[in-house]
N, C-alpha and C. Protein backbone atom coordinates (compact mmCIF):
# COMPACT_ATOMS: atom_id res chain seq x y z
N MET A 1 -7.21 -0.77 11.36
CA MET A 1 -7.76 0.14 12.48
C MET A 1 -8.42 1.43 11.95
N SER A 2 -9.29 1.39 12.75
CA SER A 2 -9.91 2.58 12.56
C SER A 2 -9.23 4.02 12.50
N GLY A 3 -9.59 4.81 11.72
CA GLY A 3 -9.00 5.91 11.24
C GLY A 3 -7.58 6.32 10.70
N GLN A 4 -7.44 4.81 10.55
CA GLN A 4 -6.08 4.74 9.46
C GLN A 4 -6.36 4.68 7.59
N PRO A 5 -5.75 5.94 7.28
CA PRO A 5 -6.69 6.01 5.84
C PRO A 5 -5.99 4.80 4.93
N GLY A 6 -6.73 4.10 3.99
CA GLY A 6 -6.16 3.19 3.27
C GLY A 6 -5.24 3.57 2.16
N TYR A 7 -4.37 2.52 2.27
CA TYR A 7 -3.03 2.52 0.85
C TYR A 7 -3.42 1.66 -0.21
N GLN A 8 -2.96 1.98 -1.38
CA GLN A 8 -2.68 1.11 -2.28
C GLN A 8 -1.50 1.05 -3.05
N ARG A 9 -1.14 -0.11 -3.90
CA ARG A 9 -0.33 -0.51 -4.03
C ARG A 9 0.48 0.92 -5.40
N GLY A 10 1.55 1.21 -5.42
CA GLY A 10 1.77 2.08 -6.12
C GLY A 10 2.03 3.51 -5.85
N ASP A 11 1.09 3.80 -4.23
CA ASP A 11 1.02 5.29 -4.10
C ASP A 11 2.10 5.52 -3.25
N ARG A 12 2.57 6.79 -3.45
CA ARG A 12 3.70 7.51 -3.27
C ARG A 12 3.69 8.20 -1.51
N ILE A 13 4.85 7.73 -0.92
CA ILE A 13 4.55 8.59 0.60
C ILE A 13 5.68 8.97 1.06
N ALA A 14 5.69 9.46 1.95
CA ALA A 14 6.80 9.95 2.70
C ALA A 14 6.96 9.46 4.36
N LEU A 15 7.81 9.34 4.79
CA LEU A 15 8.09 8.97 6.05
C LEU A 15 8.18 10.32 7.01
N ASP A 16 7.44 10.14 8.05
CA ASP A 16 7.06 11.44 8.85
C ASP A 16 7.56 10.63 10.19
N TYR A 17 7.58 9.57 10.68
CA TYR A 17 8.27 9.28 11.88
C TYR A 17 8.17 7.79 12.04
N THR A 18 9.51 6.89 12.46
CA THR A 18 9.53 5.71 12.82
C THR A 18 10.23 5.75 13.89
N ALA A 19 10.05 4.57 14.70
CA ALA A 19 10.82 4.29 16.11
C ALA A 19 11.85 3.13 16.01
N ASP A 20 12.00 2.15 14.71
CA ASP A 20 12.76 1.47 14.57
C ASP A 20 14.16 2.19 14.83
N PRO A 21 14.80 1.69 15.62
CA PRO A 21 16.24 1.87 15.81
C PRO A 21 17.37 1.56 15.10
N HIS A 22 16.66 0.44 14.20
CA HIS A 22 17.85 -0.03 13.33
C HIS A 22 17.75 0.21 11.61
N THR A 23 16.96 1.34 11.22
CA THR A 23 16.93 1.97 10.03
C THR A 23 17.50 2.77 9.87
N ARG A 24 18.20 3.29 8.60
CA ARG A 24 18.78 4.34 8.16
C ARG A 24 17.57 5.53 7.55
N LEU A 25 16.42 4.94 7.57
CA LEU A 25 15.52 5.89 7.05
C LEU A 25 15.23 7.23 7.73
N GLN A 26 15.29 8.27 7.28
CA GLN A 26 14.74 9.77 7.95
C GLN A 26 13.48 9.92 7.93
N PRO A 27 12.78 11.09 8.60
CA PRO A 27 11.54 11.82 8.00
C PRO A 27 11.64 12.31 6.71
N GLY A 28 10.75 12.40 5.98
CA GLY A 28 10.92 13.12 4.43
C GLY A 28 11.19 12.11 3.26
N ASP A 29 12.10 10.77 4.08
CA ASP A 29 12.05 9.81 2.68
C ASP A 29 11.54 9.42 2.39
N GLU A 30 11.29 9.28 0.58
CA GLU A 30 10.55 8.67 -0.09
C GLU A 30 10.21 7.41 -0.16
N GLY A 31 8.89 6.85 -0.89
CA GLY A 31 9.04 5.07 -1.41
C GLY A 31 7.82 5.29 -1.95
N THR A 32 7.48 3.93 -2.33
CA THR A 32 6.33 3.19 -3.12
C THR A 32 5.83 2.10 -2.35
N VAL A 33 4.22 2.11 -2.11
CA VAL A 33 3.63 1.25 -1.57
C VAL A 33 3.51 0.10 -2.09
N ILE A 34 3.95 -1.29 -1.83
CA ILE A 34 3.93 -2.39 -2.32
C ILE A 34 2.41 -3.23 -1.84
N SER A 35 2.18 -2.90 -0.44
CA SER A 35 1.18 -3.42 -0.63
C SER A 35 0.95 -3.27 1.24
N TYR A 36 -0.44 -3.40 1.65
CA TYR A 36 -1.11 -2.45 2.48
C TYR A 36 -1.89 -3.78 3.28
N ASP A 37 -1.90 -4.00 4.68
CA ASP A 37 -2.50 -4.91 5.34
C ASP A 37 -3.52 -4.19 6.48
N PRO A 38 -4.35 -3.74 6.08
CA PRO A 38 -5.44 -3.17 7.50
C PRO A 38 -5.93 -3.28 8.75
N ARG A 39 -5.72 -5.11 8.39
CA ARG A 39 -5.79 -5.34 9.70
C ARG A 39 -4.60 -5.70 10.52
N HIS A 40 -3.50 -5.64 10.23
CA HIS A 40 -2.66 -5.78 10.92
C HIS A 40 -1.76 -4.28 11.40
N GLY A 41 -2.38 -3.14 10.23
CA GLY A 41 -1.59 -1.74 10.35
C GLY A 41 -0.49 -1.35 9.66
N GLN A 42 -0.05 -2.96 8.63
CA GLN A 42 1.19 -3.03 8.22
C GLN A 42 1.21 -2.68 6.55
N LEU A 43 2.36 -1.73 6.46
CA LEU A 43 2.28 -1.17 5.33
C LEU A 43 3.37 -1.33 4.44
N ASN A 44 3.87 -1.97 3.58
CA ASN A 44 5.06 -2.51 2.95
C ASN A 44 5.24 -1.38 1.81
N VAL A 45 6.84 -1.12 2.00
CA VAL A 45 7.15 0.11 1.25
C VAL A 45 8.60 -0.16 0.43
N ARG A 46 8.41 0.23 -0.35
CA ARG A 46 9.66 0.27 -1.58
C ARG A 46 10.41 1.71 -1.44
N TRP A 47 11.25 1.66 -0.28
CA TRP A 47 11.90 3.21 -0.02
C TRP A 47 12.92 3.69 -0.95
N ASP A 48 13.05 4.55 -1.98
CA ASP A 48 13.49 5.06 -2.78
C ASP A 48 15.16 4.84 -2.72
N SER A 49 15.53 4.87 -1.47
CA SER A 49 17.02 4.42 -0.77
C SER A 49 17.34 2.84 -0.72
N GLY A 50 16.51 2.31 -1.39
CA GLY A 50 16.80 0.77 -1.48
C GLY A 50 16.03 -0.08 -0.27
N SER A 51 15.94 0.37 0.65
CA SER A 51 15.37 -0.07 2.01
C SER A 51 13.75 -1.00 1.38
N THR A 52 13.56 -1.83 2.11
CA THR A 52 12.00 -2.13 1.80
C THR A 52 11.68 -2.17 2.96
N LEU A 53 12.13 -1.46 4.12
CA LEU A 53 11.09 -1.75 5.45
C LEU A 53 10.09 -1.50 5.84
N ALA A 54 9.16 -2.22 6.28
CA ALA A 54 7.17 -2.31 6.48
C ALA A 54 7.30 -1.61 7.70
N MET A 55 6.28 -0.18 7.43
CA MET A 55 5.75 0.59 8.69
C MET A 55 5.05 -0.13 9.16
N LEU A 56 4.95 0.06 10.48
CA LEU A 56 3.84 -0.62 11.30
C LEU A 56 2.96 0.58 11.58
N LEU A 57 1.86 0.76 10.81
CA LEU A 57 0.99 1.75 11.74
C LEU A 57 0.17 1.85 13.04
N ALA A 58 -0.07 0.37 13.01
CA ALA A 58 -0.70 0.31 14.31
C ALA A 58 0.41 0.53 15.64
N ASP A 59 1.33 0.35 15.20
CA ASP A 59 2.56 0.93 16.47
C ASP A 59 3.46 2.19 16.39
N GLY A 60 2.57 2.96 15.65
CA GLY A 60 2.77 4.69 15.83
C GLY A 60 3.93 4.63 14.77
N ASP A 61 4.21 3.91 13.77
CA ASP A 61 4.72 4.43 12.31
C ASP A 61 3.91 5.69 11.80
N ARG A 62 4.50 6.59 11.32
CA ARG A 62 3.75 7.44 10.71
C ARG A 62 3.94 7.84 9.23
N VAL A 63 3.34 7.97 8.25
CA VAL A 63 3.85 8.34 7.14
C VAL A 63 2.69 9.21 6.34
N ARG A 64 2.79 9.93 5.05
CA ARG A 64 2.04 10.61 4.66
C ARG A 64 1.78 10.64 3.15
N LEU A 65 0.65 10.46 2.49
CA LEU A 65 0.51 10.51 1.20
C LEU A 65 1.21 11.52 0.24
N ILE A 66 1.54 11.07 -0.96
CA ILE A 66 2.43 12.32 -1.47
C ILE A 66 1.90 12.39 -2.59
N THR A 67 1.36 11.37 -3.48
CA THR A 67 0.85 11.08 -4.97
C THR A 67 0.00 9.76 -4.68
N PRO A 68 -1.08 9.68 -4.96
CA PRO A 68 -2.10 8.36 -4.97
C PRO A 68 -1.58 7.70 -6.38
N ALA A 69 -1.47 6.42 -6.17
CA ALA A 69 -1.28 5.19 -7.31
C ALA A 69 -2.14 5.93 -8.62
N PRO A 70 -1.53 5.97 -9.82
CA PRO A 70 -2.44 6.07 -11.06
C PRO A 70 -3.19 5.06 -11.09
N GLU A 71 -4.46 5.64 -11.90
CA GLU A 71 -5.36 4.57 -11.62
C GLU A 71 -5.30 3.72 -13.13
N GLN A 72 -5.42 2.26 -12.87
CA GLN A 72 -5.01 0.91 -13.74
C GLN A 72 -6.50 0.83 -14.25
N PRO A 73 -5.76 0.53 -15.71
CA PRO A 73 -7.05 0.06 -16.62
C PRO A 73 -7.87 -0.90 -16.08
N GLY A 74 -8.99 -0.96 -16.65
CA GLY A 74 -10.16 -2.50 -15.96
C GLY A 74 -9.66 -3.44 -16.88
N PRO A 75 -10.45 -4.78 -16.37
CA PRO A 75 -10.25 -5.83 -16.84
C PRO A 75 -10.29 -5.88 -18.72
N GLN A 76 -10.71 -4.87 -18.84
CA GLN A 76 -11.04 -5.04 -20.49
C GLN A 76 -9.96 -4.30 -21.44
N GLY A 77 -9.08 -3.34 -20.32
CA GLY A 77 -8.03 -3.26 -21.05
C GLY A 77 -8.23 -1.73 -22.00
N ASP A 78 -7.48 -1.09 -22.58
CA ASP A 78 -7.93 0.09 -22.99
C ASP A 78 -9.01 0.59 -23.70
N GLU A 79 -9.58 1.29 -23.81
CA GLU A 79 -11.13 1.62 -24.53
C GLU A 79 -10.49 1.58 -26.01
N PRO A 80 -11.46 1.36 -26.83
CA PRO A 80 -11.00 1.61 -28.18
C PRO A 80 -10.98 2.92 -28.69
C-alpha cells in the first residue's frame, strides 16, 4: 500500500484506532512488531497486554511508531 510506513520486527508501536469489535485493546496500548506484510497491510504485533491481534492497516486500523527497533549486528557479528 502506498503511503503506509514500513515497519520492522522489534519496532515499538501504539494503537491509535481499530474497528475490531472483539478486542479489548484500547487507543494508546503499546506493543512490539513481530512482522509486517506490506502487500496485505498486515502488521503482526505482540501487545504488552498479552494479545497478539494483527493490525489490518489496509482496512483502516491505525498505529503509530514509538521507538524504532534497535539496530542488529551484521552477519559478521560484533566488530573486534
